[in-house]
Amino acid sequence: MTIQLETNRIILREFMLNDLEEFHTLETNEDVLKYLTNYPKRTLEESKEILCQVIEQYRNFKTGRLAMFDKATQGFVGWCGIKFNTHKRHIYENFYDLGYRIHPNYWGNGLATEASIACLSYGLNELEITKINAIVNIHNTQSVKVISKVGFSYKESFLEDETEKNWYEVVRK
């Protein structure tokens, strides 16, 4: 099974190793990383290791971060998707979370919202995941707006790497 989602303006598909250059450029963009804590600048080889882990998620969990492309230009926009986390974050372990990263050239166009809605629909309806979480740095006001707009409910705040973050969830009905 190959994951591919489509909206009016974007295509979301599984990452492939030949997406490494675009993935690495996004993962090392200082504007994109501004609100991420304890996130070291990665080498191309380290980005390749992360990309391989992303690809492994598809096989293990039938979900993961998906490469996002602009339908009109075929340009790489970023990524969005639901990841299964096996490591502990805050007090939680073994949970699904929605995440995204958008290249600054595409900021402010509603693409994070559009992609998030598509990924949530896939996770909740196709995979029948009962609960999906999101973790947002409280200072990232744009992401707080997106997460609220697509249906997440605030659950609590917590400190991670000395940064206050909000924990959100959406539950399948």
C-alpha atoms as a PDB file:
ATOM      1  CA  MET A   1       0.000   0.000   0.000  1.00  0.00           C
ATOM      2  CA  THR A   2       1.382   3.368  -1.025  1.00  0.00           C
ATOM      3  CA  ILE A   3       0.106   6.498   0.691  1.00  0.00           C
ATOM      4  CA  GLN A   4      -0.862   9.404  -1.531  1.00  0.00           C
ATOM      5  CA  LEU A   5      -3.303  12.144  -0.539  1.00  0.00           C
ATOM      6  CA  GLU A   6      -4.543  15.000  -2.669  1.00  0.00           C
ATOM      7  CA  THR A   7      -6.233  18.321  -1.934  1.00  0.00           C
ATOM      8  CA  ASN A   8      -7.193  21.200  -4.209  1.00  0.00           C
ATOM      9  CA  ARG A   9      -3.669  22.616  -4.216  1.00  0.00           C
ATOM     10  CA  ILE A  10      -1.256  19.940  -3.004  1.00  0.00           C
ATOM     11  CA  ILE A  11      -0.224  16.331  -3.349  1.00  0.00           C
ATOM     12  CA  LEU A  12       1.072  14.467  -0.317  1.00  0.00           C
ATOM     13  CA  ARG A  13       2.999  11.278  -1.000  1.00  0.00           C
ATOM     14  CA  GLU A  14       5.470   8.989   0.661  1.00  0.00           C
ATOM     15  CA  PHE A  15       9.025  10.272   0.764  1.00  0.00           C
ATOM     16  CA  MET A  16      11.620   8.502  -1.351  1.00  0.00           C
ATOM     17  CA  LEU A  17      15.400   8.600  -0.994  1.00  0.00           C
ATOM     18  CA  ASN A  18      15.647  10.824  -4.074  1.00  0.00           C
ATOM     19  CA  ASP A  19      13.805  13.529  -2.045  1.00  0.00           C
ATOM     20  CA  LEU A  20      16.868  13.848   0.209  1.00  0.00           C
ATOM     21  CA  GLU A  21      18.110  17.225  -1.100  1.00  0.00           C
ATOM     22  CA  GLU A  22      14.743  18.939  -0.615  1.00  0.00           C
ATOM     23  CA  PHE A  23      14.223  17.218   2.748  1.00  0.00           C
ATOM     24  CA  HIS A  24      17.687  18.293   3.946  1.00  0.00           C
ATOM     25  CA  THR A  25      17.185  21.889   2.771  1.00  0.00           C
ATOM     26  CA  LEU A  26      13.928  22.107   4.751  1.00  0.00           C
ATOM     27  CA  GLU A  27      15.352  20.361   7.831  1.00  0.00           C
ATOM     28  CA  THR A  28      18.275  22.805   8.004  1.00  0.00           C
ATOM     29  CA  ASN A  29      16.393  26.039   7.247  1.00  0.00           C
ATOM     30  CA  GLU A  30      16.821  28.335  10.271  1.00  0.00           C
ATOM     31  CA  ASP A  31      13.408  29.975   9.807  1.00  0.00           C
ATOM     32  CA  VAL A  32      11.701  26.572   9.719  1.00  0.00           C
ATOM     33  CA  LEU A  33      13.585  25.403  12.833  1.00  0.00           C
ATOM     34  CA  LYS A  34      12.972  28.593  14.844  1.00  0.00           C
ATOM     35  CA  TYR A  35      10.417  27.060  17.231  1.00  0.00           C
ATOM     36  CA  LEU A  36      11.941  23.597  17.504  1.00  0.00           C
ATOM     37  CA  THR A  37      13.951  23.001  20.654  1.00  0.00           C
ATOM     38  CA  ASN A  38      17.116  20.981  21.012  1.00  0.00           C
ATOM     39  CA  TYR A  39      17.266  20.500  17.251  1.00  0.00           C
ATOM     40  CA  PRO A  40      20.858  20.359  16.026  1.00  0.00           C
ATOM     41  CA  LYS A  41      21.947  21.473  12.566  1.00  0.00           C
ATOM     42  CA  ARG A  42      22.204  18.240  10.597  1.00  0.00           C
ATOM     43  CA  THR A  43      24.626  17.091   7.958  1.00  0.00           C
ATOM     44  CA  LEU A  44      23.317  15.624   4.715  1.00  0.00           C
ATOM     45  CA  GLU A  45      24.192  12.146   6.007  1.00  0.00           C
ATOM     46  CA  GLU A  46      22.230  12.744   9.241  1.00  0.00           C
ATOM     47  CA  SER A  47      19.251  13.981   7.221  1.00  0.00           C
ATOM     48  CA  LYS A  48      19.486  10.789   5.156  1.00  0.00           C
ATOM     49  CA  GLU A  49      19.285   8.713   8.365  1.00  0.00           C
ATOM     50  CA  ILE A  50      16.175  10.656   9.450  1.00  0.00           C
ATOM     51  CA  LEU A  51      14.630  10.253   5.995  1.00  0.00           C
ATOM     52  CA  CYS A  52      15.216   6.481   6.171  1.00  0.00           C
ATOM     53  CA  GLN A  53      13.396   6.448   9.535  1.00  0.00           C
ATOM     54  CA  VAL A  54      10.515   8.373   7.943  1.00  0.00           C
ATOM     55  CA  ILE A  55      10.322   5.818   5.137  1.00  0.00           C
ATOM     56  CA  GLU A  56      10.420   2.958   7.670  1.00  0.00           C
ATOM     57  CA  GLN A  57       7.288   4.401   9.352  1.00  0.00           C
ATOM     58  CA  TYR A  58       5.211   3.647   6.244  1.00  0.00           C
ATOM     59  CA  ARG A  59       6.102  -0.035   6.395  1.00  0.00           C
ATOM     60  CA  ASN A  60       5.700  -0.364  10.172  1.00  0.00           C
ATOM     61  CA  PHE A  61       2.640   1.804  10.835  1.00  0.00           C
ATOM     62  CA  LYS A  62       1.002   2.541   7.428  1.00  0.00           C
ATOM     63  CA  THR A  63       1.490   6.229   8.163  1.00  0.00           C
ATOM     64  CA  GLY A  64       4.251   8.802   8.544  1.00  0.00           C
ATOM     65  CA  ARG A  65       5.443  12.202   7.386  1.00  0.00           C
ATOM     66  CA  LEU A  66       4.530  12.767   3.738  1.00  0.00           C
ATOM     67  CA  ALA A  67       6.306  14.898   1.148  1.00  0.00           C
ATOM     68  CA  MET A  68       4.136  17.807   0.050  1.00  0.00           C
ATOM     69  CA  PHE A  69       4.162  19.228  -3.491  1.00  0.00           C
ATOM     70  CA  ASP A  70       2.384  22.194  -5.069  1.00  0.00           C
ATOM     71  CA  LYS A  71       0.087  20.888  -7.808  1.00  0.00           C
ATOM     72  CA  ALA A  72       0.489  23.969  -9.987  1.00  0.00           C
ATOM     73  CA  THR A  73       4.307  24.163  -9.951  1.00  0.00           C
ATOM     74  CA  GLN A  74       5.309  20.651  -8.796  1.00  0.00           C
ATOM     75  CA  GLY A  75       7.498  22.497  -6.264  1.00  0.00           C
ATOM     76  CA  PHE A  76       8.432  20.910  -2.933  1.00  0.00           C
ATOM     77  CA  VAL A  77       6.390  22.640  -0.225  1.00  0.00           C
ATOM     78  CA  GLY A  78       7.475  20.662   2.845  1.00  0.00           C
ATOM     79  CA  TRP A  79       6.001  17.744   4.719  1.00  0.00           C
ATOM     80  CA  CYS A  80       2.967  16.864   6.789  1.00  0.00           C
ATOM     81  CA  GLY A  81       1.776  13.653   8.327  1.00  0.00           C
ATOM     82  CA  ILE A  82       0.978  11.446  11.261  1.00  0.00           C
ATOM     83  CA  LYS A  83       3.907   9.760  12.959  1.00  0.00           C
ATOM     84  CA  PHE A  84       3.804   6.956  15.507  1.00  0.00           C
ATOM     85  CA  ASN A  85       6.102   7.928  18.391  1.00  0.00           C
ATOM     86  CA  THR A  86       7.694   5.136  20.373  1.00  0.00           C
ATOM     87  CA  HIS A  87       9.842   7.459  22.475  1.00  0.00           C
ATOM     88  CA  LYS A  88       8.570   9.413  25.473  1.00  0.00           C
ATOM     89  CA  ARG A  89       7.444  13.026  25.082  1.00  0.00           C
ATOM     90  CA  HIS A  90       6.237  14.734  28.228  1.00  0.00           C
ATOM     91  CA  ILE A  91       4.378  11.921  30.033  1.00  0.00           C
ATOM     92  CA  TYR A  92       3.264  10.116  26.877  1.00  0.00           C
ATOM     93  CA  GLU A  93       4.727   7.193  24.991  1.00  0.00           C
ATOM     94  CA  ASN A  94       3.525   5.159  21.991  1.00  0.00           C
ATOM     95  CA  PHE A  95       1.235   7.801  20.508  1.00  0.00           C
ATOM     96  CA  TYR A  96       0.400   9.247  17.098  1.00  0.00           C
ATOM     97  CA  ASP A  97       1.127  12.879  16.405  1.00  0.00           C
ATOM     98  CA  LEU A  98       0.410  15.223  13.535  1.00  0.00           C
ATOM     99  CA  GLY A  99       3.330  17.354  12.460  1.00  0.00           C
ATOM    100  CA  TYR A 100       4.318  19.504   9.527  1.00  0.00           C
ATOM    101  CA  ARG A 101       7.082  21.712   8.215  1.00  0.00           C
ATOM    102  CA  ILE A 102       6.494  24.154   5.393  1.00  0.00           C
ATOM    103  CA  HIS A 103       9.167  25.951   3.370  1.00  0.00           C
ATOM    104  CA  PRO A 104       9.023  29.719   4.122  1.00  0.00           C
ATOM    105  CA  ASN A 105       8.244  30.471   0.445  1.00  0.00           C
ATOM    106  CA  TYR A 106       4.839  28.846   1.058  1.00  0.00           C
ATOM    107  CA  TRP A 107       4.022  30.338   4.469  1.00  0.00           C
ATOM    108  CA  GLY A 108       0.770  32.220   4.920  1.00  0.00           C
ATOM    109  CA  ASN A 109      -1.143  30.439   2.156  1.00  0.00           C
ATOM    110  CA  GLY A 110      -3.148  27.982   4.266  1.00  0.00           C
ATOM    111  CA  LEU A 111      -1.207  24.960   3.027  1.00  0.00           C
ATOM    112  CA  ALA A 112      -0.401  23.719   6.547  1.00  0.00           C
ATOM    113  CA  THR A 113      -4.126  23.744   7.319  1.00  0.00           C
ATOM    114  CA  GLU A 114      -5.035  22.062   4.033  1.00  0.00           C
ATOM    115  CA  ALA A 115      -2.398  19.339   4.467  1.00  0.00           C
ATOM    116  CA  SER A 116      -3.271  18.792   8.133  1.00  0.00           C
ATOM    117  CA  ILE A 117      -6.957  18.286   7.319  1.00  0.00           C
ATOM    118  CA  ALA A 118      -6.064  15.701   4.656  1.00  0.00           C
ATOM    119  CA  CYS A 119      -3.665  13.841   6.955  1.00  0.00           C
ATOM    120  CA  LEU A 120      -6.107  13.865   9.871  1.00  0.00           C
ATOM    121  CA  SER A 121      -8.874  12.513   7.658  1.00  0.00           C
ATOM    122  CA  TYR A 122      -6.564   9.726   6.478  1.00  0.00           C
ATOM    123  CA  GLY A 123      -5.501   8.842  10.033  1.00  0.00           C
ATOM    124  CA  LEU A 124      -8.905   9.002  11.664  1.00  0.00           C
ATOM    125  CA  ASN A 125     -11.044   7.588   8.856  1.00  0.00           C
ATOM    126  CA  GLU A 126      -8.811   5.293   6.797  1.00  0.00           C
ATOM    127  CA  LEU A 127      -6.505   3.981   9.523  1.00  0.00           C
ATOM    128  CA  GLU A 128      -9.153   4.343  12.246  1.00  0.00           C
ATOM    129  CA  ILE A 129      -6.660   5.797  14.731  1.00  0.00           C
ATOM    130  CA  THR A 130      -8.641   6.660  17.854  1.00  0.00           C
ATOM    131  CA  LYS A 131      -6.513   9.599  19.065  1.00  0.00           C
ATOM    132  CA  ILE A 132      -3.959  11.852  17.389  1.00  0.00           C
ATOM    133  CA  ASN A 133      -1.878  14.394  19.278  1.00  0.00           C
ATOM    134  CA  ALA A 134      -0.005  17.542  18.341  1.00  0.00           C
ATOM    135  CA  ILE A 135       2.785  19.297  20.229  1.00  0.00           C
ATOM    136  CA  VAL A 136       3.335  23.009  19.616  1.00  0.00           C
ATOM    137  CA  ASN A 137       5.769  25.549  21.037  1.00  0.00           C
ATOM    138  CA  ILE A 138       3.516  28.171  22.675  1.00  0.00           C
ATOM    139  CA  HIS A 139       5.400  30.984  20.902  1.00  0.00           C
ATOM    140  CA  ASN A 140       4.616  29.530  17.470  1.00  0.00           C
ATOM    141  CA  THR A 141       1.318  31.386  17.167  1.00  0.00           C
ATOM    142  CA  GLN A 142       0.754  30.381  13.536  1.00  0.00           C
ATOM    143  CA  SER A 143       0.942  26.664  14.370  1.00  0.00           C
ATOM    144  CA  VAL A 144      -1.291  27.162  17.409  1.00  0.00           C
ATOM    145  CA  LYS A 145      -3.886  28.685  15.019  1.00  0.00           C
ATOM    146  CA  VAL A 146      -3.541  25.832  12.507  1.00  0.00           C
ATOM    147  CA  ILE A 147      -3.863  23.111  15.148  1.00  0.00           C
ATOM    148  CA  SER A 148      -6.971  24.757  16.612  1.00  0.00           C
ATOM    149  CA  LYS A 149      -8.488  25.366  13.163  1.00  0.00           C
ATOM    150  CA  VAL A 150      -8.227  21.695  12.122  1.00  0.00           C
ATOM    151  CA  GLY A 151     -10.019  20.390  15.217  1.00  0.00           C
ATOM    152  CA  PHE A 152      -7.468  19.735  17.951  1.00  0.00           C
ATOM    153  CA  SER A 153      -8.375  20.447  21.578  1.00  0.00           C
ATOM    154  CA  TYR A 154      -5.884  21.847  24.049  1.00  0.00           C
ATOM    155  CA  LYS A 155      -5.053  19.366  26.821  1.00  0.00           C
ATOM    156  CA  GLU A 156      -2.151  20.842  28.807  1.00  0.00           C
ATOM    157  CA  SER A 157       1.101  22.772  28.775  1.00  0.00           C
ATOM    158  CA  PHE A 158       4.465  21.285  29.674  1.00  0.00           C
ATOM    159  CA  LEU A 159       8.150  22.132  29.634  1.00  0.00           C
ATOM    160  CA  GLU A 160      10.456  20.422  27.169  1.00  0.00           C
ATOM    161  CA  ASP A 161      14.083  21.518  26.889  1.00  0.00           C
ATOM    162  CA  GLU A 162      13.178  24.596  28.970  1.00  0.00           C
ATOM    163  CA  THR A 163      10.543  25.629  26.429  1.00  0.00           C
ATOM    164  CA  GLU A 164       6.825  25.741  27.137  1.00  0.00           C
ATOM    165  CA  LYS A 165       4.785  23.629  24.756  1.00  0.00           C
ATOM    166  CA  ASN A 166       1.123  22.817  24.395  1.00  0.00           C
ATOM    167  CA  TRP A 167      -0.204  19.288  24.095  1.00  0.00           C
ATOM    168  CA  TYR A 168      -3.297  18.885  21.889  1.00  0.00           C
ATOM    169  CA  GLU A 169      -5.450  15.957  20.862  1.00  0.00           C
ATOM    170  CA  VAL A 170      -8.205  15.067  18.455  1.00  0.00           C
ATOM    171  CA  VAL A 171     -10.319  11.970  19.101  1.00  0.00           C
ATOM    172  CA  ARG A 172     -12.059   9.849  16.471  1.00  0.00           C
ATOM    173  CA  LYS A 173     -15.834  10.007  16.736  1.00  0.00           C
END
